[in-house]
Amino acid sequence: MNIQEHLSKVTEYFSPKVIGEVNDVYVKVAKIKGEDIPWHNHAHEDEAFFILNGELLFEEENKKPFIMKQGDFYVVKQGVNHRVSSEEECQIMLIENKSTAHTGEVKSTVTKSIEEQLK
């Protein structure tokens, strides 16, 4: 599998696409640009971010925002409010339980269902 080939098929920002699965976990890729993701959390699941290319502004409630760069890896613990954004295109890999809702219980114009992420 070539991750860049899968990323080339991602045409919308903030629209994760499942590229594989390991047991009860999905491996996803996404492109981030702008500030469209709302503050949200995943009540019962951790979420892992790996930066493939670019820079990602990561914000967590009650913490100082930080920049993630190519090669950086970060795990958001369950129940922690967070959001991400990027001035320029950033390509990421996400590792999430199959039950993880894209934007948690918060619905927005960018929220994608698991079915949309599997297409």
PDB file of N, CA and C in Angstrom:
ATOM      1  N   MET A   1       0.845  -1.177   0.000  1.00  0.00           N
ATOM      2  CA  MET A   1       0.000   0.000   0.000  1.00  0.00           C
ATOM      3  C   MET A   1       0.892   1.242   0.000  1.00  0.00           C
ATOM      4  N   ASN A   2       0.519   2.197  -0.808  1.00  0.00           N
ATOM      5  CA  ASN A   2       1.242   3.463  -0.841  1.00  0.00           C
ATOM      6  C   ASN A   2       0.329   4.552  -0.283  1.00  0.00           C
ATOM      7  N   ILE A   3       0.725   5.133   0.838  1.00  0.00           N
ATOM      8  CA  ILE A   3      -0.112   6.123   1.512  1.00  0.00           C
ATOM      9  C   ILE A   3      -0.320   7.355   0.647  1.00  0.00           C
ATOM     10  N   GLN A   4       0.711   7.788  -0.097  1.00  0.00           N
ATOM     11  CA  GLN A   4       0.567   8.968  -0.949  1.00  0.00           C
ATOM     12  C   GLN A   4      -0.477   8.733  -2.043  1.00  0.00           C
ATOM     13  N   GLU A   5      -0.572   7.517  -2.559  1.00  0.00           N
ATOM     14  CA  GLU A   5      -1.612   7.209  -3.545  1.00  0.00           C
ATOM     15  C   GLU A   5      -2.997   7.376  -2.931  1.00  0.00           C
ATOM     16  N   HIS A   6      -3.158   6.921  -1.700  1.00  0.00           N
ATOM     17  CA  HIS A   6      -4.454   7.080  -1.022  1.00  0.00           C
ATOM     18  C   HIS A   6      -4.745   8.554  -0.756  1.00  0.00           C
ATOM     19  N   LEU A   7      -3.734   9.304  -0.352  1.00  0.00           N
ATOM     20  CA  LEU A   7      -3.933  10.735  -0.108  1.00  0.00           C
ATOM     21  C   LEU A   7      -4.309  11.483  -1.384  1.00  0.00           C
ATOM     22  N   SER A   8      -3.788  11.041  -2.517  1.00  0.00           N
ATOM     23  CA  SER A   8      -4.103  11.722  -3.780  1.00  0.00           C
ATOM     24  C   SER A   8      -5.587  11.600  -4.132  1.00  0.00           C
ATOM     25  N   LYS A   9      -6.269  10.626  -3.548  1.00  0.00           N
ATOM     26  CA  LYS A   9      -7.695  10.424  -3.799  1.00  0.00           C
ATOM     27  C   LYS A   9      -8.578  11.219  -2.828  1.00  0.00           C
ATOM     28  N   VAL A  10      -7.972  11.815  -1.808  1.00  0.00           N
ATOM     29  CA  VAL A  10      -8.723  12.631  -0.855  1.00  0.00           C
ATOM     30  C   VAL A  10      -8.896  14.016  -1.472  1.00  0.00           C
ATOM     31  N   THR A  11     -10.142  14.379  -1.776  1.00  0.00           N
ATOM     32  CA  THR A  11     -10.402  15.636  -2.483  1.00  0.00           C
ATOM     33  C   THR A  11     -10.979  16.731  -1.591  1.00  0.00           C
ATOM     34  N   GLU A  12     -11.417  16.387  -0.383  1.00  0.00           N
ATOM     35  CA  GLU A  12     -12.000  17.372   0.523  1.00  0.00           C
ATOM     36  C   GLU A  12     -11.167  17.462   1.799  1.00  0.00           C
ATOM     37  N   TYR A  13     -11.004  18.674   2.300  1.00  0.00           N
ATOM     38  CA  TYR A  13     -10.348  18.848   3.586  1.00  0.00           C
ATOM     39  C   TYR A  13     -11.276  18.381   4.702  1.00  0.00           C
ATOM     40  N   PHE A  14     -10.693  17.916   5.803  1.00  0.00           N
ATOM     41  CA  PHE A  14     -11.426  17.440   6.982  1.00  0.00           C
ATOM     42  C   PHE A  14     -12.340  16.262   6.650  1.00  0.00           C
ATOM     43  N   SER A  15     -11.935  15.437   5.692  1.00  0.00           N
ATOM     44  CA  SER A  15     -12.744  14.297   5.272  1.00  0.00           C
ATOM     45  C   SER A  15     -11.900  13.021   5.324  1.00  0.00           C
ATOM     46  N   PRO A  16     -11.769  12.422   6.511  1.00  0.00           N
ATOM     47  CA  PRO A  16     -10.920  11.228   6.658  1.00  0.00           C
ATOM     48  C   PRO A  16     -11.395  10.081   5.772  1.00  0.00           C
ATOM     49  N   LYS A  17     -10.439   9.309   5.278  1.00  0.00           N
ATOM     50  CA  LYS A  17     -10.734   8.124   4.472  1.00  0.00           C
ATOM     51  C   LYS A  17     -10.031   6.922   5.090  1.00  0.00           C
ATOM     52  N   VAL A  18     -10.783   5.849   5.291  1.00  0.00           N
ATOM     53  CA  VAL A  18     -10.220   4.623   5.844  1.00  0.00           C
ATOM     54  C   VAL A  18      -9.347   3.960   4.785  1.00  0.00           C
ATOM     55  N   ILE A  19      -8.099   3.645   5.159  1.00  0.00           N
ATOM     56  CA  ILE A  19      -7.197   2.967   4.215  1.00  0.00           C
ATOM     57  C   ILE A  19      -6.815   1.574   4.698  1.00  0.00           C
ATOM     58  N   GLY A  20      -7.184   1.243   5.934  1.00  0.00           N
ATOM     59  CA  GLY A  20      -6.865  -0.081   6.455  1.00  0.00           C
ATOM     60  C   GLY A  20      -7.491  -0.276   7.815  1.00  0.00           C
ATOM     61  N   GLU A  21      -7.394  -1.503   8.291  1.00  0.00           N
ATOM     62  CA  GLU A  21      -7.894  -1.788   9.623  1.00  0.00           C
ATOM     63  C   GLU A  21      -7.028  -2.850  10.288  1.00  0.00           C
ATOM     64  N   VAL A  22      -6.920  -2.714  11.596  1.00  0.00           N
ATOM     65  CA  VAL A  22      -6.186  -3.666  12.421  1.00  0.00           C
ATOM     66  C   VAL A  22      -7.100  -3.980  13.597  1.00  0.00           C
ATOM     67  N   ASN A  23      -7.595  -5.214  13.647  1.00  0.00           N
ATOM     68  CA  ASN A  23      -8.531  -5.616  14.697  1.00  0.00           C
ATOM     69  C   ASN A  23      -9.713  -4.649  14.739  1.00  0.00           C
ATOM     70  N   ASP A  24      -9.941  -3.958  15.847  1.00  0.00           N
ATOM     71  CA  ASP A  24     -11.078  -3.042  15.972  1.00  0.00           C
ATOM     72  C   ASP A  24     -10.682  -1.590  15.758  1.00  0.00           C
ATOM     73  N   VAL A  25      -9.614  -1.364  14.982  1.00  0.00           N
ATOM     74  CA  VAL A  25      -9.089  -0.019  14.765  1.00  0.00           C
ATOM     75  C   VAL A  25      -9.026   0.278  13.271  1.00  0.00           C
ATOM     76  N   TYR A  26      -9.421   1.498  12.894  1.00  0.00           N
ATOM     77  CA  TYR A  26      -9.260   1.968  11.522  1.00  0.00           C
ATOM     78  C   TYR A  26      -7.996   2.815  11.415  1.00  0.00           C
ATOM     79  N   VAL A  27      -7.316   2.693  10.281  1.00  0.00           N
ATOM     80  CA  VAL A  27      -6.223   3.576   9.917  1.00  0.00           C
ATOM     81  C   VAL A  27      -6.780   4.471   8.818  1.00  0.00           C
ATOM     82  N   LYS A  28      -6.677   5.791   9.010  1.00  0.00           N
ATOM     83  CA  LYS A  28      -7.282   6.749   8.086  1.00  0.00           C
ATOM     84  C   LYS A  28      -6.247   7.775   7.645  1.00  0.00           C
ATOM     85  N   VAL A  29      -6.484   8.369   6.487  1.00  0.00           N
ATOM     86  CA  VAL A  29      -5.711   9.528   6.054  1.00  0.00           C
ATOM     87  C   VAL A  29      -6.669  10.681   5.824  1.00  0.00           C
ATOM     88  N   ALA A  30      -6.145  11.897   5.976  1.00  0.00           N
ATOM     89  CA  ALA A  30      -6.961  13.095   5.770  1.00  0.00           C
ATOM     90  C   ALA A  30      -6.058  14.252   5.409  1.00  0.00           C
ATOM     91  N   LYS A  31      -6.672  15.250   4.791  1.00  0.00           N
ATOM     92  CA  LYS A  31      -6.003  16.513   4.510  1.00  0.00           C
ATOM     93  C   LYS A  31      -6.709  17.591   5.323  1.00  0.00           C
ATOM     94  N   ILE A  32      -5.910  18.449   5.938  1.00  0.00           N
ATOM     95  CA  ILE A  32      -6.435  19.513   6.793  1.00  0.00           C
ATOM     96  C   ILE A  32      -5.974  20.851   6.227  1.00  0.00           C
ATOM     97  N   LYS A  33      -6.920  21.772   6.093  1.00  0.00           N
ATOM     98  CA  LYS A  33      -6.591  23.152   5.725  1.00  0.00           C
ATOM     99  C   LYS A  33      -7.744  24.027   6.193  1.00  0.00           C
ATOM    100  N   GLY A  34      -7.425  25.048   6.954  1.00  0.00           N
ATOM    101  CA  GLY A  34      -8.449  25.929   7.496  1.00  0.00           C
ATOM    102  C   GLY A  34      -8.753  25.592   8.937  1.00  0.00           C
ATOM    103  N   GLU A  35      -9.918  26.110   9.388  1.00  0.00           N
ATOM    104  CA  GLU A  35     -10.292  25.987  10.800  1.00  0.00           C
ATOM    105  C   GLU A  35     -11.697  25.422  10.959  1.00  0.00           C
ATOM    106  N   ASP A  36     -12.099  24.491  10.113  1.00  0.00           N
ATOM    107  CA  ASP A  36     -13.483  24.046  10.085  1.00  0.00           C
ATOM    108  C   ASP A  36     -13.872  23.015  11.148  1.00  0.00           C
ATOM    109  N   ILE A  37     -12.922  22.352  11.766  1.00  0.00           N
ATOM    110  CA  ILE A  37     -13.257  21.324  12.763  1.00  0.00           C
ATOM    111  C   ILE A  37     -13.677  22.008  14.065  1.00  0.00           C
ATOM    112  N   PRO A  38     -14.857  21.659  14.589  1.00  0.00           N
ATOM    113  CA  PRO A  38     -15.297  22.261  15.851  1.00  0.00           C
ATOM    114  C   PRO A  38     -14.600  21.618  17.051  1.00  0.00           C
ATOM    115  N   TRP A  39     -14.645  22.310  18.176  1.00  0.00           N
ATOM    116  CA  TRP A  39     -14.198  21.702  19.424  1.00  0.00           C
ATOM    117  C   TRP A  39     -15.050  20.461  19.642  1.00  0.00           C
ATOM    118  N   HIS A  40     -14.417  19.349  19.985  1.00  0.00           N
ATOM    119  CA  HIS A  40     -15.150  18.107  20.220  1.00  0.00           C
ATOM    120  C   HIS A  40     -14.290  17.152  21.040  1.00  0.00           C
ATOM    121  N   ASN A  41     -14.899  16.053  21.462  1.00  0.00           N
ATOM    122  CA  ASN A  41     -14.143  15.006  22.137  1.00  0.00           C
ATOM    123  C   ASN A  41     -14.735  13.660  21.764  1.00  0.00           C
ATOM    124  N   HIS A  42     -14.034  12.634  22.128  1.00  0.00           N
ATOM    125  CA  HIS A  42     -14.493  11.260  21.916  1.00  0.00           C
ATOM    126  C   HIS A  42     -14.583  10.655  23.318  1.00  0.00           C
ATOM    127  N   ALA A  43     -15.808  10.498  23.796  1.00  0.00           N
ATOM    128  CA  ALA A  43     -16.052  10.146  25.196  1.00  0.00           C
ATOM    129  C   ALA A  43     -15.404   8.831  25.618  1.00  0.00           C
ATOM    130  N   HIS A  44     -15.304   7.867  24.702  1.00  0.00           N
ATOM    131  CA  HIS A  44     -14.852   6.530  25.094  1.00  0.00           C
ATOM    132  C   HIS A  44     -13.628   6.033  24.338  1.00  0.00           C
ATOM    133  N   GLU A  45     -13.045   6.873  23.487  1.00  0.00           N
ATOM    134  CA  GLU A  45     -11.927   6.415  22.660  1.00  0.00           C
ATOM    135  C   GLU A  45     -10.789   7.422  22.651  1.00  0.00           C
ATOM    136  N   ASP A  46      -9.556   6.903  22.656  1.00  0.00           N
ATOM    137  CA  ASP A  46      -8.387   7.727  22.375  1.00  0.00           C
ATOM    138  C   ASP A  46      -8.300   7.889  20.858  1.00  0.00           C
ATOM    139  N   GLU A  47      -7.534   8.882  20.405  1.00  0.00           N
ATOM    140  CA  GLU A  47      -7.375   9.141  18.969  1.00  0.00           C
ATOM    141  C   GLU A  47      -5.909   9.498  18.721  1.00  0.00           C
ATOM    142  N   ALA A  48      -5.281   8.829  17.744  1.00  0.00           N
ATOM    143  CA  ALA A  48      -3.869   9.069  17.461  1.00  0.00           C
ATOM    144  C   ALA A  48      -3.708   9.837  16.154  1.00  0.00           C
ATOM    145  N   PHE A  49      -2.816  10.835  16.169  1.00  0.00           N
ATOM    146  CA  PHE A  49      -2.506  11.670  15.011  1.00  0.00           C
ATOM    147  C   PHE A  49      -1.045  11.478  14.643  1.00  0.00           C
ATOM    148  N   PHE A  50      -0.773  11.265  13.359  1.00  0.00           N
ATOM    149  CA  PHE A  50       0.588  11.183  12.841  1.00  0.00           C
ATOM    150  C   PHE A  50       0.675  12.116  11.653  1.00  0.00           C
ATOM    151  N   ILE A  51       1.620  13.050  11.673  1.00  0.00           N
ATOM    152  CA  ILE A  51       1.738  14.047  10.612  1.00  0.00           C
ATOM    153  C   ILE A  51       2.607  13.489   9.485  1.00  0.00           C
ATOM    154  N   LEU A  52       2.006  13.366   8.309  1.00  0.00           N
ATOM    155  CA  LEU A  52       2.700  12.856   7.131  1.00  0.00           C
ATOM    156  C   LEU A  52       3.427  13.970   6.388  1.00  0.00           C
ATOM    157  N   ASN A  53       2.782  15.145   6.319  1.00  0.00           N
ATOM    158  CA  ASN A  53       3.348  16.264   5.576  1.00  0.00           C
ATOM    159  C   ASN A  53       2.679  17.556   6.051  1.00  0.00           C
ATOM    160  N   GLY A  54       3.448  18.613   6.199  1.00  0.00           N
ATOM    161  CA  GLY A  54       2.893  19.896   6.594  1.00  0.00           C
ATOM    162  C   GLY A  54       2.946  20.121   8.090  1.00  0.00           C
ATOM    163  N   GLU A  55       2.171  21.118   8.539  1.00  0.00           N
ATOM    164  CA  GLU A  55       2.117  21.485   9.951  1.00  0.00           C
ATOM    165  C   GLU A  55       0.670  21.581  10.393  1.00  0.00           C
ATOM    166  N   LEU A  56       0.403  21.125  11.607  1.00  0.00           N
ATOM    167  CA  LEU A  56      -0.941  21.099  12.169  1.00  0.00           C
ATOM    168  C   LEU A  56      -0.946  21.842  13.496  1.00  0.00           C
ATOM    169  N   LEU A  57      -1.863  22.797  13.645  1.00  0.00           N
ATOM    170  CA  LEU A  57      -2.055  23.453  14.934  1.00  0.00           C
ATOM    171  C   LEU A  57      -2.994  22.575  15.743  1.00  0.00           C
ATOM    172  N   PHE A  58      -2.531  22.132  16.904  1.00  0.00           N
ATOM    173  CA  PHE A  58      -3.321  21.254  17.755  1.00  0.00           C
ATOM    174  C   PHE A  58      -3.706  22.013  19.008  1.00  0.00           C
ATOM    175  N   GLU A  59      -5.009  22.013  19.302  1.00  0.00           N
ATOM    176  CA  GLU A  59      -5.509  22.692  20.491  1.00  0.00           C
ATOM    177  C   GLU A  59      -6.258  21.694  21.356  1.00  0.00           C
ATOM    178  N   GLU A  60      -5.920  21.708  22.640  1.00  0.00           N
ATOM    179  CA  GLU A  60      -6.629  20.917  23.631  1.00  0.00           C
ATOM    180  C   GLU A  60      -7.104  21.851  24.726  1.00  0.00           C
ATOM    181  N   GLU A  61      -8.309  21.590  25.219  1.00  0.00           N
ATOM    182  CA  GLU A  61      -8.850  22.406  26.293  1.00  0.00           C
ATOM    183  C   GLU A  61      -7.898  22.413  27.488  1.00  0.00           C
ATOM    184  N   ASN A  62      -7.686  23.592  28.051  1.00  0.00           N
ATOM    185  CA  ASN A  62      -6.848  23.793  29.244  1.00  0.00           C
ATOM    186  C   ASN A  62      -5.365  23.517  29.006  1.00  0.00           C
ATOM    187  N   LYS A  63      -4.914  23.534  27.750  1.00  0.00           N
ATOM    188  CA  LYS A  63      -3.492  23.383  27.451  1.00  0.00           C
ATOM    189  C   LYS A  63      -3.088  24.442  26.434  1.00  0.00           C
ATOM    190  N   LYS A  64      -1.810  24.734  26.388  1.00  0.00           N
ATOM    191  CA  LYS A  64      -1.284  25.671  25.407  1.00  0.00           C
ATOM    192  C   LYS A  64      -1.300  25.003  24.022  1.00  0.00           C
ATOM    193  N   PRO A  65      -1.811  25.685  22.979  1.00  0.00           N
ATOM    194  CA  PRO A  65      -1.781  25.115  21.622  1.00  0.00           C
ATOM    195  C   PRO A  65      -0.349  24.816  21.199  1.00  0.00           C
ATOM    196  N   PHE A  66      -0.186  23.824  20.341  1.00  0.00           N
ATOM    197  CA  PHE A  66       1.148  23.476  19.853  1.00  0.00           C
ATOM    198  C   PHE A  66       1.078  23.077  18.383  1.00  0.00           C
ATOM    199  N   ILE A  67       2.223  23.195  17.725  1.00  0.00           N
ATOM    200  CA  ILE A  67       2.342  22.860  16.307  1.00  0.00           C
ATOM    201  C   ILE A  67       2.947  21.468  16.177  1.00  0.00           C
ATOM    202  N   MET A  68       2.297  20.633  15.380  1.00  0.00           N
ATOM    203  CA  MET A  68       2.848  19.324  15.035  1.00  0.00           C
ATOM    204  C   MET A  68       3.427  19.424  13.630  1.00  0.00           C
ATOM    205  N   LYS A  69       4.577  18.793  13.418  1.00  0.00           N
ATOM    206  CA  LYS A  69       5.247  18.826  12.117  1.00  0.00           C
ATOM    207  C   LYS A  69       5.441  17.408  11.597  1.00  0.00           C
ATOM    208  N   GLN A  70       5.863  17.317  10.348  1.00  0.00           N
ATOM    209  CA  GLN A  70       6.073  16.017   9.701  1.00  0.00           C
ATOM    210  C   GLN A  70       6.826  15.068  10.631  1.00  0.00           C
ATOM    211  N   GLY A  71       6.269  13.865  10.796  1.00  0.00           N
ATOM    212  CA  GLY A  71       6.886  12.858  11.638  1.00  0.00           C
ATOM    213  C   GLY A  71       6.411  12.866  13.080  1.00  0.00           C
ATOM    214  N   ASP A  72       5.698  13.927  13.493  1.00  0.00           N
ATOM    215  CA  ASP A  72       5.206  13.994  14.870  1.00  0.00           C
ATOM    216  C   ASP A  72       4.003  13.072  15.064  1.00  0.00           C
ATOM    217  N   PHE A  73       3.878  12.547  16.276  1.00  0.00           N
ATOM    218  CA  PHE A  73       2.814  11.620  16.651  1.00  0.00           C
ATOM    219  C   PHE A  73       2.239  12.081  17.983  1.00  0.00           C
ATOM    220  N   TYR A  74       0.920  12.061  18.114  1.00  0.00           N
ATOM    221  CA  TYR A  74       0.284  12.515  19.351  1.00  0.00           C
ATOM    222  C   TYR A  74      -1.000  11.735  19.586  1.00  0.00           C
ATOM    223  N   VAL A  75      -1.255  11.375  20.834  1.00  0.00           N
ATOM    224  CA  VAL A  75      -2.480  10.675  21.211  1.00  0.00           C
ATOM    225  C   VAL A  75      -3.327  11.590  22.085  1.00  0.00           C
ATOM    226  N   VAL A  76      -4.568  11.812  21.658  1.00  0.00           N
ATOM    227  CA  VAL A  76      -5.540  12.562  22.447  1.00  0.00           C
ATOM    228  C   VAL A  76      -6.310  11.534  23.275  1.00  0.00           C
ATOM    229  N   LYS A  77      -6.327  11.718  24.558  1.00  0.00           N
ATOM    230  CA  LYS A  77      -7.020  10.788  25.437  1.00  0.00           C
ATOM    231  C   LYS A  77      -8.536  10.992  25.375  1.00  0.00           C
ATOM    232  N   GLN A  78      -9.249   9.937  25.628  1.00  0.00           N
ATOM    233  CA  GLN A  78     -10.709   9.985  25.594  1.00  0.00           C
ATOM    234  C   GLN A  78     -11.240  11.089  26.492  1.00  0.00           C
ATOM    235  N   GLY A  79     -12.310  11.739  26.032  1.00  0.00           N
ATOM    236  CA  GLY A  79     -12.966  12.778  26.808  1.00  0.00           C
ATOM    237  C   GLY A  79     -12.325  14.143  26.776  1.00  0.00           C
ATOM    238  N   VAL A  80     -11.173  14.297  26.112  1.00  0.00           N
ATOM    239  CA  VAL A  80     -10.470  15.591  26.065  1.00  0.00           C
ATOM    240  C   VAL A  80     -10.961  16.404  24.867  1.00  0.00           C
ATOM    241  N   ASN A  81     -11.488  17.598  25.134  1.00  0.00           N
ATOM    242  CA  ASN A  81     -11.922  18.489  24.054  1.00  0.00           C
ATOM    243  C   ASN A  81     -10.714  18.952  23.260  1.00  0.00           C
ATOM    244  N   HIS A  82     -10.845  18.902  21.932  1.00  0.00           N
ATOM    245  CA  HIS A  82      -9.727  19.282  21.065  1.00  0.00           C
ATOM    246  C   HIS A  82     -10.244  19.730  19.708  1.00  0.00           C
ATOM    247  N   ARG A  83      -9.357  20.355  18.964  1.00  0.00           N
ATOM    248  CA  ARG A  83      -9.612  20.703  17.563  1.00  0.00           C
ATOM    249  C   ARG A  83      -8.273  20.911  16.890  1.00  0.00           C
ATOM    250  N   VAL A  84      -8.286  20.809  15.559  1.00  0.00           N
ATOM    251  CA  VAL A  84      -7.065  20.992  14.775  1.00  0.00           C
ATOM    252  C   VAL A  84      -7.339  21.963  13.642  1.00  0.00           C
ATOM    253  N   SER A  85      -6.276  22.591  13.157  1.00  0.00           N
ATOM    254  CA  SER A  85      -6.383  23.485  12.008  1.00  0.00           C
ATOM    255  C   SER A  85      -5.012  23.599  11.357  1.00  0.00           C
ATOM    256  N   SER A  86      -5.003  24.177  10.149  1.00  0.00           N
ATOM    257  CA  SER A  86      -3.748  24.366   9.439  1.00  0.00           C
ATOM    258  C   SER A  86      -3.907  25.498   8.437  1.00  0.00           C
ATOM    259  N   GLU A  87      -2.918  26.394   8.393  1.00  0.00           N
ATOM    260  CA  GLU A  87      -2.960  27.485   7.419  1.00  0.00           C
ATOM    261  C   GLU A  87      -2.740  26.960   6.011  1.00  0.00           C
ATOM    262  N   GLU A  88      -1.812  26.043   5.855  1.00  0.00           N
ATOM    263  CA  GLU A  88      -1.525  25.403   4.564  1.00  0.00           C
ATOM    264  C   GLU A  88      -1.942  23.936   4.669  1.00  0.00           C
ATOM    265  N   GLU A  89      -2.046  23.279   3.538  1.00  0.00           N
ATOM    266  CA  GLU A  89      -2.468  21.882   3.576  1.00  0.00           C
ATOM    267  C   GLU A  89      -1.544  21.033   4.445  1.00  0.00           C
ATOM    268  N   CYS A  90      -2.147  20.233   5.301  1.00  0.00           N
ATOM    269  CA  CYS A  90      -1.431  19.288   6.149  1.00  0.00           C
ATOM    270  C   CYS A  90      -2.029  17.903   5.900  1.00  0.00           C
ATOM    271  N   GLN A  91      -1.180  16.918   5.724  1.00  0.00           N
ATOM    272  CA  GLN A  91      -1.626  15.551   5.483  1.00  0.00           C
ATOM    273  C   GLN A  91      -1.359  14.737   6.742  1.00  0.00           C
ATOM    274  N   ILE A  92      -2.390  14.029   7.200  1.00  0.00           N
ATOM    275  CA  ILE A  92      -2.276  13.295   8.459  1.00  0.00           C
ATOM    276  C   ILE A  92      -2.755  11.863   8.322  1.00  0.00           C
ATOM    277  N   MET A  93      -2.288  11.036   9.259  1.00  0.00           N
ATOM    278  CA  MET A  93      -2.818   9.694   9.433  1.00  0.00           C
ATOM    279  C   MET A  93      -3.472   9.675  10.805  1.00  0.00           C
ATOM    280  N   LEU A  94      -4.656   9.081  10.865  1.00  0.00           N
ATOM    281  CA  LEU A  94      -5.386   8.928  12.115  1.00  0.00           C
ATOM    282  C   LEU A  94      -5.509   7.447  12.443  1.00  0.00           C
ATOM    283  N   ILE A  95      -5.409   7.127  13.703  1.00  0.00           N
ATOM    284  CA  ILE A  95      -5.628   5.761  14.156  1.00  0.00           C
ATOM    285  C   ILE A  95      -6.713   5.844  15.221  1.00  0.00           C
ATOM    286  N   GLU A  96      -7.868   5.233  14.911  1.00  0.00           N
ATOM    287  CA  GLU A  96      -9.041   5.374  15.768  1.00  0.00           C
ATOM    288  C   GLU A  96      -9.796   4.054  15.862  1.00  0.00           C
ATOM    289  N   ASN A  97     -10.448   3.837  17.006  1.00  0.00           N
ATOM    290  CA  ASN A  97     -11.349   2.700  17.115  1.00  0.00           C
ATOM    291  C   ASN A  97     -12.431   2.820  16.043  1.00  0.00           C
ATOM    292  N   LYS A  98     -12.949   1.690  15.605  1.00  0.00           N
ATOM    293  CA  LYS A  98     -14.000   1.706  14.590  1.00  0.00           C
ATOM    294  C   LYS A  98     -15.248   2.433  15.075  1.00  0.00           C
ATOM    295  N   SER A  99     -15.427   2.529  16.377  1.00  0.00           N
ATOM    296  CA  SER A  99     -16.603   3.195  16.949  1.00  0.00           C
ATOM    297  C   SER A  99     -16.448   4.712  17.073  1.00  0.00           C
ATOM    298  N   THR A 100     -15.269   5.251  16.761  1.00  0.00           N
ATOM    299  CA  THR A 100     -15.008   6.681  16.959  1.00  0.00           C
ATOM    300  C   THR A 100     -15.763   7.530  15.941  1.00  0.00           C
ATOM    301  N   ALA A 101     -16.643   8.404  16.440  1.00  0.00           N
ATOM    302  CA  ALA A 101     -17.375   9.345  15.576  1.00  0.00           C
ATOM    303  C   ALA A 101     -16.432  10.493  15.204  1.00  0.00           C
ATOM    304  N   HIS A 102     -16.488  10.915  13.950  1.00  0.00           N
ATOM    305  CA  HIS A 102     -15.574  11.918  13.400  1.00  0.00           C
ATOM    306  C   HIS A 102     -15.412  13.130  14.310  1.00  0.00           C
ATOM    307  N   THR A 103     -16.495  13.781  14.656  1.00  0.00           N
ATOM    308  CA  THR A 103     -16.425  14.957  15.526  1.00  0.00           C
ATOM    309  C   THR A 103     -17.183  14.702  16.829  1.00  0.00           C
ATOM    310  N   GLY A 104     -17.067  13.484  17.319  1.00  0.00           N
ATOM    311  CA  GLY A 104     -17.724  13.131  18.579  1.00  0.00           C
ATOM    312  C   GLY A 104     -19.222  13.349  18.490  1.00  0.00           C
ATOM    313  N   GLU A 105     -19.789  13.924  19.530  1.00  0.00           N
ATOM    314  CA  GLU A 105     -21.231  14.205  19.565  1.00  0.00           C
ATOM    315  C   GLU A 105     -21.571  15.534  18.885  1.00  0.00           C
ATOM    316  N   VAL A 106     -20.560  16.296  18.497  1.00  0.00           N
ATOM    317  CA  VAL A 106     -20.764  17.601  17.852  1.00  0.00           C
ATOM    318  C   VAL A 106     -20.937  17.383  16.353  1.00  0.00           C
ATOM    319  N   LYS A 107     -22.025  17.899  15.802  1.00  0.00           N
ATOM    320  CA  LYS A 107     -22.271  17.796  14.360  1.00  0.00           C
ATOM    321  C   LYS A 107     -21.975  19.152  13.714  1.00  0.00           C
ATOM    322  N   SER A 108     -21.261  19.110  12.582  1.00  0.00           N
ATOM    323  CA  SER A 108     -20.954  20.342  11.856  1.00  0.00           C
ATOM    324  C   SER A 108     -21.011  20.052  10.358  1.00  0.00           C
ATOM    325  N   THR A 109     -20.741  21.061   9.565  1.00  0.00           N
ATOM    326  CA  THR A 109     -20.789  20.893   8.108  1.00  0.00           C
ATOM    327  C   THR A 109     -19.704  19.962   7.597  1.00  0.00           C
ATOM    328  N   VAL A 110     -18.649  19.729   8.369  1.00  0.00           N
ATOM    329  CA  VAL A 110     -17.569  18.841   7.922  1.00  0.00           C
ATOM    330  C   VAL A 110     -17.677  17.430   8.504  1.00  0.00           C
ATOM    331  N   THR A 111     -18.621  17.194   9.409  1.00  0.00           N
ATOM    332  CA  THR A 111     -18.753  15.889  10.044  1.00  0.00           C
ATOM    333  C   THR A 111     -19.050  14.811   9.004  1.00  0.00           C
ATOM    334  N   LYS A 112     -18.286  13.731   9.055  1.00  0.00           N
ATOM    335  CA  LYS A 112     -18.446  12.597   8.124  1.00  0.00           C
ATOM    336  C   LYS A 112     -18.804  11.340   8.919  1.00  0.00           C
ATOM    337  N   SER A 113     -19.756  10.599   8.399  1.00  0.00           N
ATOM    338  CA  SER A 113     -20.134   9.327   9.010  1.00  0.00           C
ATOM    339  C   SER A 113     -19.063   8.283   8.702  1.00  0.00           C
ATOM    340  N   ILE A 114     -19.080   7.191   9.421  1.00  0.00           N
ATOM    341  CA  ILE A 114     -18.149   6.093   9.148  1.00  0.00           C
ATOM    342  C   ILE A 114     -18.353   5.606   7.713  1.00  0.00           C
ATOM    343  N   GLU A 115     -19.610   5.523   7.272  1.00  0.00           N
ATOM    344  CA  GLU A 115     -19.889   5.074   5.897  1.00  0.00           C
ATOM    345  C   GLU A 115     -19.227   5.981   4.868  1.00  0.00           C
ATOM    346  N   GLU A 116     -19.271   7.301   5.102  1.00  0.00           N
ATOM    347  CA  GLU A 116     -18.609   8.234   4.174  1.00  0.00           C
ATOM    348  C   GLU A 116     -17.092   8.077   4.218  1.00  0.00           C
ATOM    349  N   GLN A 117     -16.546   7.737   5.353  1.00  0.00           N
ATOM    350  CA  GLN A 117     -15.109   7.561   5.497  1.00  0.00           C
ATOM    351  C   GLN A 117     -14.622   6.254   4.837  1.00  0.00           C
ATOM    352  N   LEU A 118     -15.522   5.311   4.664  1.00  0.00           N
ATOM    353  CA  LEU A 118     -15.170   4.032   4.042  1.00  0.00           C
ATOM    354  C   LEU A 118     -15.218   4.076   2.525  1.00  0.00           C
ATOM    355  N   LYS A 119     -15.801   5.125   1.937  1.00  0.00           N
ATOM    356  CA  LYS A 119     -15.928   5.235   0.474  1.00  0.00           C
ATOM    357  C   LYS A 119     -14.599   5.501  -0.182  1.00  0.00           C
TER     358      LYS A 119
END
